[in-house]
Amino acid sequence: MQSRESVVNPWGLVVQPPFIERRFEMIIASMIIKALPENIDEVVLKLNDIPNVTTYGVHKEENIIVLIEADSEDQLKDLAKYINSEFEGILGTYPTFIGSDQDVEEALKSIN
């Protein structure tokens, strides 16, 4: 039997079950992280330290393009909350694309 206790995720946020019992899927998300121009360099460096987060440059001095791999929607939400609350100068995180292996499985079923 699995524990029903709270767990601290990799970003330091406390999460509750039933996340432990969920089927994990791979989620890929691209986001624009809008930050104050004076904080951009520091934010990019901090983002590059987070596992499964890849930065792809800065657009118009305040938009950081990132790709995130997550095991669940909750993990993706937790990461966005973490970035918004813990990084200085963040104005917001804006998903531009979210896809999962489940989406691919559903698409393949509709073709066959």
PDB file of N, CA and C in Angstrom:
ATOM      1  N   MET A   1       0.844  -1.183   0.000  1.00  0.00           N
ATOM      2  CA  MET A   1       0.000   0.000   0.000  1.00  0.00           C
ATOM      3  C   MET A   1       0.883   1.238   0.000  1.00  0.00           C
ATOM      4  N   GLN A   2       0.505   2.225  -0.793  1.00  0.00           N
ATOM      5  CA  GLN A   2       1.305   3.432  -0.902  1.00  0.00           C
ATOM      6  C   GLN A   2       0.971   4.409   0.211  1.00  0.00           C
ATOM      7  N   SER A   3       1.949   5.208   0.564  1.00  0.00           N
ATOM      8  CA  SER A   3       1.794   6.203   1.620  1.00  0.00           C
ATOM      9  C   SER A   3       0.803   7.282   1.207  1.00  0.00           C
ATOM     10  N   ARG A   4       0.028   7.796   2.164  1.00  0.00           N
ATOM     11  CA  ARG A   4      -0.917   8.882   1.909  1.00  0.00           C
ATOM     12  C   ARG A   4      -0.358  10.203   2.420  1.00  0.00           C
ATOM     13  N   GLU A   5       0.926  10.236   2.764  1.00  0.00           N
ATOM     14  CA  GLU A   5       1.538  11.446   3.293  1.00  0.00           C
ATOM     15  C   GLU A   5       1.882  12.417   2.170  1.00  0.00           C
ATOM     16  N   SER A   6       2.021  13.689   2.551  1.00  0.00           N
ATOM     17  CA  SER A   6       2.446  14.715   1.602  1.00  0.00           C
ATOM     18  C   SER A   6       3.871  14.450   1.152  1.00  0.00           C
ATOM     19  N   VAL A   7       4.177  14.908  -0.049  1.00  0.00           N
ATOM     20  CA  VAL A   7       5.509  14.753  -0.617  1.00  0.00           C
ATOM     21  C   VAL A   7       5.954  16.112  -1.143  1.00  0.00           C
ATOM     22  N   VAL A   8       7.243  16.410  -1.012  1.00  0.00           N
ATOM     23  CA  VAL A   8       7.792  17.640  -1.572  1.00  0.00           C
ATOM     24  C   VAL A   8       8.333  17.305  -2.953  1.00  0.00           C
ATOM     25  N   ASN A   9       7.823  17.997  -3.979  1.00  0.00           N
ATOM     26  CA  ASN A   9       8.264  17.718  -5.341  1.00  0.00           C
ATOM     27  C   ASN A   9       9.613  18.394  -5.618  1.00  0.00           C
ATOM     28  N   PRO A  10      10.202  18.176  -6.805  1.00  0.00           N
ATOM     29  CA  PRO A  10      11.535  18.729  -7.090  1.00  0.00           C
ATOM     30  C   PRO A  10      11.642  20.244  -7.003  1.00  0.00           C
ATOM     31  N   TRP A  11      10.509  20.952  -7.033  1.00  0.00           N
ATOM     32  CA  TRP A  11      10.542  22.409  -6.974  1.00  0.00           C
ATOM     33  C   TRP A  11      10.255  22.934  -5.582  1.00  0.00           C
ATOM     34  N   GLY A  12      10.177  22.025  -4.593  1.00  0.00           N
ATOM     35  CA  GLY A  12       9.979  22.445  -3.222  1.00  0.00           C
ATOM     36  C   GLY A  12       8.532  22.679  -2.838  1.00  0.00           C
ATOM     37  N   LEU A  13       7.585  22.291  -3.684  1.00  0.00           N
ATOM     38  CA  LEU A  13       6.170  22.455  -3.368  1.00  0.00           C
ATOM     39  C   LEU A  13       5.622  21.169  -2.756  1.00  0.00           C
ATOM     40  N   VAL A  14       4.805  21.308  -1.721  1.00  0.00           N
ATOM     41  CA  VAL A  14       4.203  20.145  -1.072  1.00  0.00           C
ATOM     42  C   VAL A  14       2.981  19.724  -1.877  1.00  0.00           C
ATOM     43  N   VAL A  15       2.946  18.455  -2.251  1.00  0.00           N
ATOM     44  CA  VAL A  15       1.815  17.921  -3.007  1.00  0.00           C
ATOM     45  C   VAL A  15       1.204  16.753  -2.242  1.00  0.00           C
ATOM     46  N   GLN A  16      -0.067  16.529  -2.461  1.00  0.00           N
ATOM     47  CA  GLN A  16      -0.825  15.503  -1.751  1.00  0.00           C
ATOM     48  C   GLN A  16      -1.165  14.347  -2.684  1.00  0.00           C
ATOM     49  N   PRO A  17      -1.328  13.140  -2.132  1.00  0.00           N
ATOM     50  CA  PRO A  17      -1.913  12.078  -2.938  1.00  0.00           C
ATOM     51  C   PRO A  17      -3.298  12.527  -3.391  1.00  0.00           C
ATOM     52  N   PRO A  18      -3.876  12.063  -4.455  1.00  0.00           N
ATOM     53  CA  PRO A  18      -3.650  10.781  -5.110  1.00  0.00           C
ATOM     54  C   PRO A  18      -2.674  10.819  -6.274  1.00  0.00           C
ATOM     55  N   PHE A  19      -1.824  11.841  -6.373  1.00  0.00           N
ATOM     56  CA  PHE A  19      -0.899  11.907  -7.503  1.00  0.00           C
ATOM     57  C   PHE A  19      -0.056  10.652  -7.619  1.00  0.00           C
ATOM     58  N   ILE A  20       0.211   9.986  -6.504  1.00  0.00           N
ATOM     59  CA  ILE A  20       1.056   8.792  -6.486  1.00  0.00           C
ATOM     60  C   ILE A  20       0.397   7.666  -7.285  1.00  0.00           C
ATOM     61  N   GLU A  21      -0.927   7.613  -7.276  1.00  0.00           N
ATOM     62  CA  GLU A  21      -1.643   6.507  -7.891  1.00  0.00           C
ATOM     63  C   GLU A  21      -1.976   6.749  -9.359  1.00  0.00           C
ATOM     64  N   ARG A  22      -1.692   7.914  -9.873  1.00  0.00           N
ATOM     65  CA  ARG A  22      -2.018   8.228 -11.263  1.00  0.00           C
ATOM     66  C   ARG A  22      -1.065   7.546 -12.233  1.00  0.00           C
ATOM     67  N   ARG A  23      -1.581   7.278 -13.431  1.00  0.00           N
ATOM     68  CA  ARG A  23      -0.724   6.768 -14.500  1.00  0.00           C
ATOM     69  C   ARG A  23       0.065   7.950 -15.044  1.00  0.00           C
ATOM     70  N   PHE A  24       1.359   7.782 -15.124  1.00  0.00           N
ATOM     71  CA  PHE A  24       2.185   8.869 -15.623  1.00  0.00           C
ATOM     72  C   PHE A  24       2.238   8.836 -17.143  1.00  0.00           C
ATOM     73  N   GLU A  25       2.270   9.999 -17.725  1.00  0.00           N
ATOM     74  CA  GLU A  25       2.407  10.150 -19.160  1.00  0.00           C
ATOM     75  C   GLU A  25       3.440  11.242 -19.407  1.00  0.00           C
ATOM     76  N   MET A  26       4.025  11.221 -20.559  1.00  0.00           N
ATOM     77  CA  MET A  26       4.992  12.259 -20.892  1.00  0.00           C
ATOM     78  C   MET A  26       4.249  13.440 -21.492  1.00  0.00           C
ATOM     79  N   ILE A  27       4.471  14.603 -20.906  1.00  0.00           N
ATOM     80  CA  ILE A  27       3.872  15.833 -21.409  1.00  0.00           C
ATOM     81  C   ILE A  27       4.994  16.740 -21.889  1.00  0.00           C
ATOM     82  N   ILE A  28       4.833  17.280 -23.070  1.00  0.00           N
ATOM     83  CA  ILE A  28       5.768  18.252 -23.624  1.00  0.00           C
ATOM     84  C   ILE A  28       5.020  19.578 -23.722  1.00  0.00           C
ATOM     85  N   ALA A  29       5.621  20.628 -23.210  1.00  0.00           N
ATOM     86  CA  ALA A  29       4.978  21.943 -23.256  1.00  0.00           C
ATOM     87  C   ALA A  29       6.002  22.993 -23.643  1.00  0.00           C
ATOM     88  N   SER A  30       5.591  23.883 -24.516  1.00  0.00           N
ATOM     89  CA  SER A  30       6.418  25.059 -24.768  1.00  0.00           C
ATOM     90  C   SER A  30       5.730  26.227 -24.080  1.00  0.00           C
ATOM     91  N   MET A  31       6.531  27.120 -23.547  1.00  0.00           N
ATOM     92  CA  MET A  31       6.008  28.272 -22.827  1.00  0.00           C
ATOM     93  C   MET A  31       6.815  29.507 -23.162  1.00  0.00           C
ATOM     94  N   ILE A  32       6.163  30.627 -23.023  1.00  0.00           N
ATOM     95  CA  ILE A  32       6.862  31.902 -23.019  1.00  0.00           C
ATOM     96  C   ILE A  32       6.830  32.382 -21.581  1.00  0.00           C
ATOM     97  N   ILE A  33       7.990  32.643 -21.040  1.00  0.00           N
ATOM     98  CA  ILE A  33       8.089  33.187 -19.690  1.00  0.00           C
ATOM     99  C   ILE A  33       8.457  34.652 -19.840  1.00  0.00           C
ATOM    100  N   LYS A  34       7.541  35.504 -19.441  1.00  0.00           N
ATOM    101  CA  LYS A  34       7.733  36.956 -19.574  1.00  0.00           C
ATOM    102  C   LYS A  34       8.378  37.460 -18.289  1.00  0.00           C
ATOM    103  N   ALA A  35       9.502  38.172 -18.441  1.00  0.00           N
ATOM    104  CA  ALA A  35      10.244  38.687 -17.288  1.00  0.00           C
ATOM    105  C   ALA A  35      10.676  40.123 -17.556  1.00  0.00           C
ATOM    106  N   LEU A  36      10.957  40.820 -16.479  1.00  0.00           N
ATOM    107  CA  LEU A  36      11.491  42.173 -16.617  1.00  0.00           C
ATOM    108  C   LEU A  36      12.845  42.098 -17.313  1.00  0.00           C
ATOM    109  N   PRO A  37      13.121  42.984 -18.266  1.00  0.00           N
ATOM    110  CA  PRO A  37      14.388  42.929 -19.005  1.00  0.00           C
ATOM    111  C   PRO A  37      15.624  42.906 -18.105  1.00  0.00           C
ATOM    112  N   GLU A  38      15.585  43.617 -16.988  1.00  0.00           N
ATOM    113  CA  GLU A  38      16.754  43.638 -16.097  1.00  0.00           C
ATOM    114  C   GLU A  38      16.978  42.312 -15.368  1.00  0.00           C
ATOM    115  N   ASN A  39      16.005  41.400 -15.395  1.00  0.00           N
ATOM    116  CA  ASN A  39      16.136  40.104 -14.730  1.00  0.00           C
ATOM    117  C   ASN A  39      16.331  38.947 -15.707  1.00  0.00           C
ATOM    118  N   ILE A  40      16.287  39.219 -16.998  1.00  0.00           N
ATOM    119  CA  ILE A  40      16.306  38.156 -18.011  1.00  0.00           C
ATOM    120  C   ILE A  40      17.492  37.210 -17.864  1.00  0.00           C
ATOM    121  N   ASP A  41      18.701  37.733 -17.785  1.00  0.00           N
ATOM    122  CA  ASP A  41      19.887  36.867 -17.736  1.00  0.00           C
ATOM    123  C   ASP A  41      19.852  35.941 -16.530  1.00  0.00           C
ATOM    124  N   GLU A  42      19.490  36.483 -15.374  1.00  0.00           N
ATOM    125  CA  GLU A  42      19.420  35.676 -14.148  1.00  0.00           C
ATOM    126  C   GLU A  42      18.338  34.597 -14.262  1.00  0.00           C
ATOM    127  N   VAL A  43      17.191  34.955 -14.816  1.00  0.00           N
ATOM    128  CA  VAL A  43      16.098  33.996 -14.962  1.00  0.00           C
ATOM    129  C   VAL A  43      16.497  32.865 -15.911  1.00  0.00           C
ATOM    130  N   VAL A  44      17.122  33.192 -17.032  1.00  0.00           N
ATOM    131  CA  VAL A  44      17.562  32.159 -17.980  1.00  0.00           C
ATOM    132  C   VAL A  44      18.532  31.196 -17.302  1.00  0.00           C
ATOM    133  N   LEU A  45      19.477  31.711 -16.541  1.00  0.00           N
ATOM    134  CA  LEU A  45      20.430  30.846 -15.834  1.00  0.00           C
ATOM    135  C   LEU A  45      19.714  29.927 -14.851  1.00  0.00           C
ATOM    136  N   LYS A  46      18.763  30.460 -14.095  1.00  0.00           N
ATOM    137  CA  LYS A  46      18.017  29.645 -13.131  1.00  0.00           C
ATOM    138  C   LYS A  46      17.162  28.590 -13.834  1.00  0.00           C
ATOM    139  N   LEU A  47      16.550  28.964 -14.953  1.00  0.00           N
ATOM    140  CA  LEU A  47      15.740  27.999 -15.701  1.00  0.00           C
ATOM    141  C   LEU A  47      16.592  26.847 -16.213  1.00  0.00           C
ATOM    142  N   ASN A  48      17.803  27.158 -16.662  1.00  0.00           N
ATOM    143  CA  ASN A  48      18.697  26.117 -17.177  1.00  0.00           C
ATOM    144  C   ASN A  48      19.143  25.136 -16.103  1.00  0.00           C
ATOM    145  N   ASP A  49      18.987  25.501 -14.836  1.00  0.00           N
ATOM    146  CA  ASP A  49      19.335  24.605 -13.730  1.00  0.00           C
ATOM    147  C   ASP A  49      18.206  23.639 -13.371  1.00  0.00           C
ATOM    148  N   ILE A  50      17.022  23.843 -13.915  1.00  0.00           N
ATOM    149  CA  ILE A  50      15.879  22.986 -13.592  1.00  0.00           C
ATOM    150  C   ILE A  50      15.883  21.779 -14.528  1.00  0.00           C
ATOM    151  N   PRO A  51      15.828  20.559 -13.956  1.00  0.00           N
ATOM    152  CA  PRO A  51      15.777  19.365 -14.809  1.00  0.00           C
ATOM    153  C   PRO A  51      14.562  19.399 -15.739  1.00  0.00           C
ATOM    154  N   ASN A  52      14.741  18.921 -16.954  1.00  0.00           N
ATOM    155  CA  ASN A  52      13.688  18.811 -17.964  1.00  0.00           C
ATOM    156  C   ASN A  52      13.161  20.151 -18.468  1.00  0.00           C
ATOM    157  N   VAL A  53      13.923  21.216 -18.263  1.00  0.00           N
ATOM    158  CA  VAL A  53      13.580  22.531 -18.813  1.00  0.00           C
ATOM    159  C   VAL A  53      14.718  22.956 -19.731  1.00  0.00           C
ATOM    160  N   THR A  54      14.385  23.313 -20.971  1.00  0.00           N
ATOM    161  CA  THR A  54      15.378  23.770 -21.935  1.00  0.00           C
ATOM    162  C   THR A  54      14.967  25.154 -22.422  1.00  0.00           C
ATOM    163  N   THR A  55      15.901  26.088 -22.386  1.00  0.00           N
ATOM    164  CA  THR A  55      15.607  27.432 -22.892  1.00  0.00           C
ATOM    165  C   THR A  55      16.056  27.527 -24.350  1.00  0.00           C
ATOM    166  N   TYR A  56      15.306  28.311 -25.131  1.00  0.00           N
ATOM    167  CA  TYR A  56      15.599  28.481 -26.552  1.00  0.00           C
ATOM    168  C   TYR A  56      15.741  29.944 -26.935  1.00  0.00           C
ATOM    169  N   GLY A  57      16.225  30.745 -26.005  1.00  0.00           N
ATOM    170  CA  GLY A  57      16.512  32.131 -26.333  1.00  0.00           C
ATOM    171  C   GLY A  57      15.502  33.111 -25.778  1.00  0.00           C
ATOM    172  N   VAL A  58      15.818  34.388 -26.023  1.00  0.00           N
ATOM    173  CA  VAL A  58      14.993  35.499 -25.547  1.00  0.00           C
ATOM    174  C   VAL A  58      14.483  36.263 -26.762  1.00  0.00           C
ATOM    175  N   HIS A  59      13.198  36.562 -26.760  1.00  0.00           N
ATOM    176  CA  HIS A  59      12.560  37.287 -27.863  1.00  0.00           C
ATOM    177  C   HIS A  59      12.072  38.637 -27.351  1.00  0.00           C
ATOM    178  N   LYS A  60      12.417  39.695 -28.062  1.00  0.00           N
ATOM    179  CA  LYS A  60      12.003  41.064 -27.727  1.00  0.00           C
ATOM    180  C   LYS A  60      12.331  41.446 -26.282  1.00  0.00           C
ATOM    181  N   GLU A  61      13.500  41.066 -25.819  1.00  0.00           N
ATOM    182  CA  GLU A  61      14.090  41.486 -24.544  1.00  0.00           C
ATOM    183  C   GLU A  61      13.374  41.015 -23.286  1.00  0.00           C
ATOM    184  N   GLU A  62      12.181  40.436 -23.390  1.00  0.00           N
ATOM    185  CA  GLU A  62      11.480  40.066 -22.157  1.00  0.00           C
ATOM    186  C   GLU A  62      10.744  38.729 -22.221  1.00  0.00           C
ATOM    187  N   ASN A  63      10.840  38.017 -23.326  1.00  0.00           N
ATOM    188  CA  ASN A  63      10.139  36.744 -23.495  1.00  0.00           C
ATOM    189  C   ASN A  63      11.144  35.607 -23.638  1.00  0.00           C
ATOM    190  N   ILE A  64      11.171  34.723 -22.657  1.00  0.00           N
ATOM    191  CA  ILE A  64      12.071  33.571 -22.689  1.00  0.00           C
ATOM    192  C   ILE A  64      11.282  32.390 -23.247  1.00  0.00           C
ATOM    193  N   ILE A  65      11.809  31.759 -24.285  1.00  0.00           N
ATOM    194  CA  ILE A  65      11.161  30.606 -24.896  1.00  0.00           C
ATOM    195  C   ILE A  65      11.711  29.354 -24.216  1.00  0.00           C
ATOM    196  N   VAL A  66      10.812  28.500 -23.678  1.00  0.00           N
ATOM    197  CA  VAL A  66      11.249  27.282 -22.996  1.00  0.00           C
ATOM    198  C   VAL A  66      10.460  26.079 -23.490  1.00  0.00           C
ATOM    199  N   LEU A  67      11.086  24.918 -23.369  1.00  0.00           N
ATOM    200  CA  LEU A  67      10.444  23.633 -23.604  1.00  0.00           C
ATOM    201  C   LEU A  67      10.548  22.856 -22.305  1.00  0.00           C
ATOM    202  N   ILE A  68       9.437  22.287 -21.872  1.00  0.00           N
ATOM    203  CA  ILE A  68       9.389  21.566 -20.601  1.00  0.00           C
ATOM    204  C   ILE A  68       8.882  20.157 -20.854  1.00  0.00           C
ATOM    205  N   GLU A  69       9.530  19.177 -20.219  1.00  0.00           N
ATOM    206  CA  GLU A  69       9.058  17.798 -20.216  1.00  0.00           C
ATOM    207  C   GLU A  69       8.581  17.502 -18.801  1.00  0.00           C
ATOM    208  N   ALA A  70       7.355  16.984 -18.675  1.00  0.00           N
ATOM    209  CA  ALA A  70       6.798  16.687 -17.361  1.00  0.00           C
ATOM    210  C   ALA A  70       6.142  15.311 -17.385  1.00  0.00           C
ATOM    211  N   ASP A  71       6.027  14.712 -16.205  1.00  0.00           N
ATOM    212  CA  ASP A  71       5.402  13.396 -16.085  1.00  0.00           C
ATOM    213  C   ASP A  71       3.890  13.474 -15.926  1.00  0.00           C
ATOM    214  N   SER A  72       3.376  14.653 -15.593  1.00  0.00           N
ATOM    215  CA  SER A  72       1.934  14.799 -15.385  1.00  0.00           C
ATOM    216  C   SER A  72       1.542  16.264 -15.549  1.00  0.00           C
ATOM    217  N   GLU A  73       0.243  16.481 -15.709  1.00  0.00           N
ATOM    218  CA  GLU A  73      -0.249  17.855 -15.780  1.00  0.00           C
ATOM    219  C   GLU A  73       0.023  18.588 -14.473  1.00  0.00           C
ATOM    220  N   ASP A  74      -0.126  17.876 -13.354  1.00  0.00           N
ATOM    221  CA  ASP A  74       0.126  18.502 -12.052  1.00  0.00           C
ATOM    222  C   ASP A  74       1.576  18.955 -11.923  1.00  0.00           C
ATOM    223  N   GLN A  75       2.503  18.139 -12.418  1.00  0.00           N
ATOM    224  CA  GLN A  75       3.908  18.518 -12.355  1.00  0.00           C
ATOM    225  C   GLN A  75       4.158  19.766 -13.200  1.00  0.00           C
ATOM    226  N   LEU A  76       3.519  19.853 -14.340  1.00  0.00           N
ATOM    227  CA  LEU A  76       3.651  21.028 -15.201  1.00  0.00           C
ATOM    228  C   LEU A  76       3.088  22.272 -14.506  1.00  0.00           C
ATOM    229  N   LYS A  77       1.917  22.138 -13.895  1.00  0.00           N
ATOM    230  CA  LYS A  77       1.317  23.256 -13.157  1.00  0.00           C
ATOM    231  C   LYS A  77       2.201  23.681 -11.992  1.00  0.00           C
ATOM    232  N   ASP A  78       2.732  22.690 -11.253  1.00  0.00           N
ATOM    233  CA  ASP A  78       3.603  23.002 -10.111  1.00  0.00           C
ATOM    234  C   ASP A  78       4.836  23.770 -10.557  1.00  0.00           C
ATOM    235  N   LEU A  79       5.406  23.377 -11.692  1.00  0.00           N
ATOM    236  CA  LEU A  79       6.592  24.069 -12.192  1.00  0.00           C
ATOM    237  C   LEU A  79       6.261  25.512 -12.564  1.00  0.00           C
ATOM    238  N   ALA A  80       5.138  25.728 -13.228  1.00  0.00           N
ATOM    239  CA  ALA A  80       4.737  27.097 -13.589  1.00  0.00           C
ATOM    240  C   ALA A  80       4.515  27.936 -12.333  1.00  0.00           C
ATOM    241  N   LYS A  81       3.869  27.357 -11.324  1.00  0.00           N
ATOM    242  CA  LYS A  81       3.664  28.071 -10.051  1.00  0.00           C
ATOM    243  C   LYS A  81       5.000  28.404  -9.397  1.00  0.00           C
ATOM    244  N   TYR A  82       5.915  27.445  -9.426  1.00  0.00           N
ATOM    245  CA  TYR A  82       7.239  27.650  -8.835  1.00  0.00           C
ATOM    246  C   TYR A  82       7.965  28.804  -9.532  1.00  0.00           C
ATOM    247  N   ILE A  83       7.968  28.811 -10.846  1.00  0.00           N
ATOM    248  CA  ILE A  83       8.645  29.874 -11.599  1.00  0.00           C
ATOM    249  C   ILE A  83       8.006  31.231 -11.289  1.00  0.00           C
ATOM    250  N   ASN A  84       6.680  31.280 -11.290  1.00  0.00           N
ATOM    251  CA  ASN A  84       5.986  32.543 -11.017  1.00  0.00           C
ATOM    252  C   ASN A  84       6.252  33.071  -9.616  1.00  0.00           C
ATOM    253  N   SER A  85       6.382  32.188  -8.641  1.00  0.00           N
ATOM    254  CA  SER A  85       6.498  32.645  -7.252  1.00  0.00           C
ATOM    255  C   SER A  85       7.931  32.784  -6.756  1.00  0.00           C
ATOM    256  N   GLU A  86       8.861  32.026  -7.304  1.00  0.00           N
ATOM    257  CA  GLU A  86      10.210  31.991  -6.740  1.00  0.00           C
ATOM    258  C   GLU A  86      11.263  32.747  -7.540  1.00  0.00           C
ATOM    259  N   PHE A  87      10.985  33.092  -8.780  1.00  0.00           N
ATOM    260  CA  PHE A  87      11.961  33.794  -9.607  1.00  0.00           C
ATOM    261  C   PHE A  87      11.665  35.283  -9.566  1.00  0.00           C
ATOM    262  N   GLU A  88      12.677  36.070  -9.342  1.00  0.00           N
ATOM    263  CA  GLU A  88      12.499  37.525  -9.291  1.00  0.00           C
ATOM    264  C   GLU A  88      12.299  38.096 -10.692  1.00  0.00           C
ATOM    265  N   GLY A  89      11.337  39.006 -10.816  1.00  0.00           N
ATOM    266  CA  GLY A  89      11.117  39.706 -12.074  1.00  0.00           C
ATOM    267  C   GLY A  89      10.220  38.998 -13.065  1.00  0.00           C
ATOM    268  N   ILE A  90       9.565  37.913 -12.652  1.00  0.00           N
ATOM    269  CA  ILE A  90       8.675  37.187 -13.558  1.00  0.00           C
ATOM    270  C   ILE A  90       7.329  37.902 -13.639  1.00  0.00           C
ATOM    271  N   LEU A  91       6.882  38.150 -14.851  1.00  0.00           N
ATOM    272  CA  LEU A  91       5.580  38.774 -15.068  1.00  0.00           C
ATOM    273  C   LEU A  91       4.503  37.737 -15.372  1.00  0.00           C
ATOM    274  N   GLY A  92       4.910  36.551 -15.830  1.00  0.00           N
ATOM    275  CA  GLY A  92       3.949  35.487 -16.094  1.00  0.00           C
ATOM    276  C   GLY A  92       4.542  34.364 -16.911  1.00  0.00           C
ATOM    277  N   THR A  93       3.881  33.202 -16.859  1.00  0.00           N
ATOM    278  CA  THR A  93       4.244  32.054 -17.690  1.00  0.00           C
ATOM    279  C   THR A  93       3.050  31.756 -18.588  1.00  0.00           C
ATOM    280  N   TYR A  94       3.316  31.630 -19.881  1.00  0.00           N
ATOM    281  CA  TYR A  94       2.245  31.492 -20.858  1.00  0.00           C
ATOM    282  C   TYR A  94       2.486  30.271 -21.744  1.00  0.00           C
ATOM    283  N   PRO A  95       1.702  29.200 -21.548  1.00  0.00           N
ATOM    284  CA  PRO A  95       1.850  28.021 -22.404  1.00  0.00           C
ATOM    285  C   PRO A  95       1.476  28.360 -23.847  1.00  0.00           C
ATOM    286  N   THR A  96       2.267  27.873 -24.779  1.00  0.00           N
ATOM    287  CA  THR A  96       1.963  28.078 -26.193  1.00  0.00           C
ATOM    288  C   THR A  96       1.594  26.768 -26.879  1.00  0.00           C
ATOM    289  N   PHE A  97       2.023  25.641 -26.293  1.00  0.00           N
ATOM    290  CA  PHE A  97       1.691  24.316 -26.817  1.00  0.00           C
ATOM    291  C   PHE A  97       1.816  23.323 -25.682  1.00  0.00           C
ATOM    292  N   ILE A  98       0.855  22.414 -25.581  1.00  0.00           N
ATOM    293  CA  ILE A  98       0.946  21.317 -24.617  1.00  0.00           C
ATOM    294  C   ILE A  98       0.481  20.058 -25.337  1.00  0.00           C
ATOM    295  N   GLY A  99       1.313  19.032 -25.304  1.00  0.00           N
ATOM    296  CA  GLY A  99       0.964  17.761 -25.925  1.00  0.00           C
ATOM    297  C   GLY A  99       1.441  16.616 -25.054  1.00  0.00           C
ATOM    298  N   SER A 100       0.828  15.449 -25.233  1.00  0.00           N
ATOM    299  CA  SER A 100       1.240  14.288 -24.439  1.00  0.00           C
ATOM    300  C   SER A 100       1.231  13.045 -25.302  1.00  0.00           C
ATOM    301  N   ASP A 101       1.875  11.992 -24.786  1.00  0.00           N
ATOM    302  CA  ASP A 101       1.867  10.737 -25.510  1.00  0.00           C
ATOM    303  C   ASP A 101       0.447  10.189 -25.600  1.00  0.00           C
ATOM    304  N   GLN A 102      -0.407  10.554 -24.664  1.00  0.00           N
ATOM    305  CA  GLN A 102      -1.805  10.146 -24.710  1.00  0.00           C
ATOM    306  C   GLN A 102      -2.500  10.776 -25.919  1.00  0.00           C
ATOM    307  N   ASP A 103      -2.164  12.029 -26.238  1.00  0.00           N
ATOM    308  CA  ASP A 103      -2.716  12.685 -27.427  1.00  0.00           C
ATOM    309  C   ASP A 103      -2.349  11.906 -28.687  1.00  0.00           C
ATOM    310  N   VAL A 104      -1.108  11.435 -28.739  1.00  0.00           N
ATOM    311  CA  VAL A 104      -0.643  10.673 -29.899  1.00  0.00           C
ATOM    312  C   VAL A 104      -1.405   9.359 -29.993  1.00  0.00           C
ATOM    313  N   GLU A 105      -1.571   8.671 -28.844  1.00  0.00           N
ATOM    314  CA  GLU A 105      -2.304   7.407 -28.839  1.00  0.00           C
ATOM    315  C   GLU A 105      -3.737   7.607 -29.329  1.00  0.00           C
ATOM    316  N   GLU A 106      -4.402   8.668 -28.868  1.00  0.00           N
ATOM    317  CA  GLU A 106      -5.774   8.955 -29.291  1.00  0.00           C
ATOM    318  C   GLU A 106      -5.831   9.270 -30.784  1.00  0.00           C
ATOM    319  N   ALA A 107      -4.868  10.025 -31.285  1.00  0.00           N
ATOM    320  CA  ALA A 107      -4.834  10.364 -32.708  1.00  0.00           C
ATOM    321  C   ALA A 107      -4.641   9.108 -33.557  1.00  0.00           C
ATOM    322  N   LEU A 108      -3.763   8.208 -33.110  1.00  0.00           N
ATOM    323  CA  LEU A 108      -3.529   6.972 -33.853  1.00  0.00           C
ATOM    324  C   LEU A 108      -4.775   6.095 -33.875  1.00  0.00           C
ATOM    325  N   LYS A 109      -5.516   6.054 -32.770  1.00  0.00           N
ATOM    326  CA  LYS A 109      -6.757   5.269 -32.724  1.00  0.00           C
ATOM    327  C   LYS A 109      -7.768   5.796 -33.735  1.00  0.00           C
ATOM    328  N   SER A 110      -7.829   7.109 -33.878  1.00  0.00           N
ATOM    329  CA  SER A 110      -8.813   7.689 -34.798  1.00  0.00           C
ATOM    330  C   SER A 110      -8.439   7.448 -36.261  1.00  0.00           C
ATOM    331  N   ILE A 111      -7.158   7.208 -36.525  1.00  0.00           N
ATOM    332  CA  ILE A 111      -6.704   6.949 -37.897  1.00  0.00           C
ATOM    333  C   ILE A 111      -6.979   5.506 -38.287  1.00  0.00           C
ATOM    334  N   ASN A 112      -6.729   4.591 -37.348  1.00  0.00           N
ATOM    335  CA  ASN A 112      -6.860   3.154 -37.646  1.00  0.00           C
ATOM    336  C   ASN A 112      -8.266   2.661 -37.523  1.00  0.00           C
TER     337      ASN A 112
END
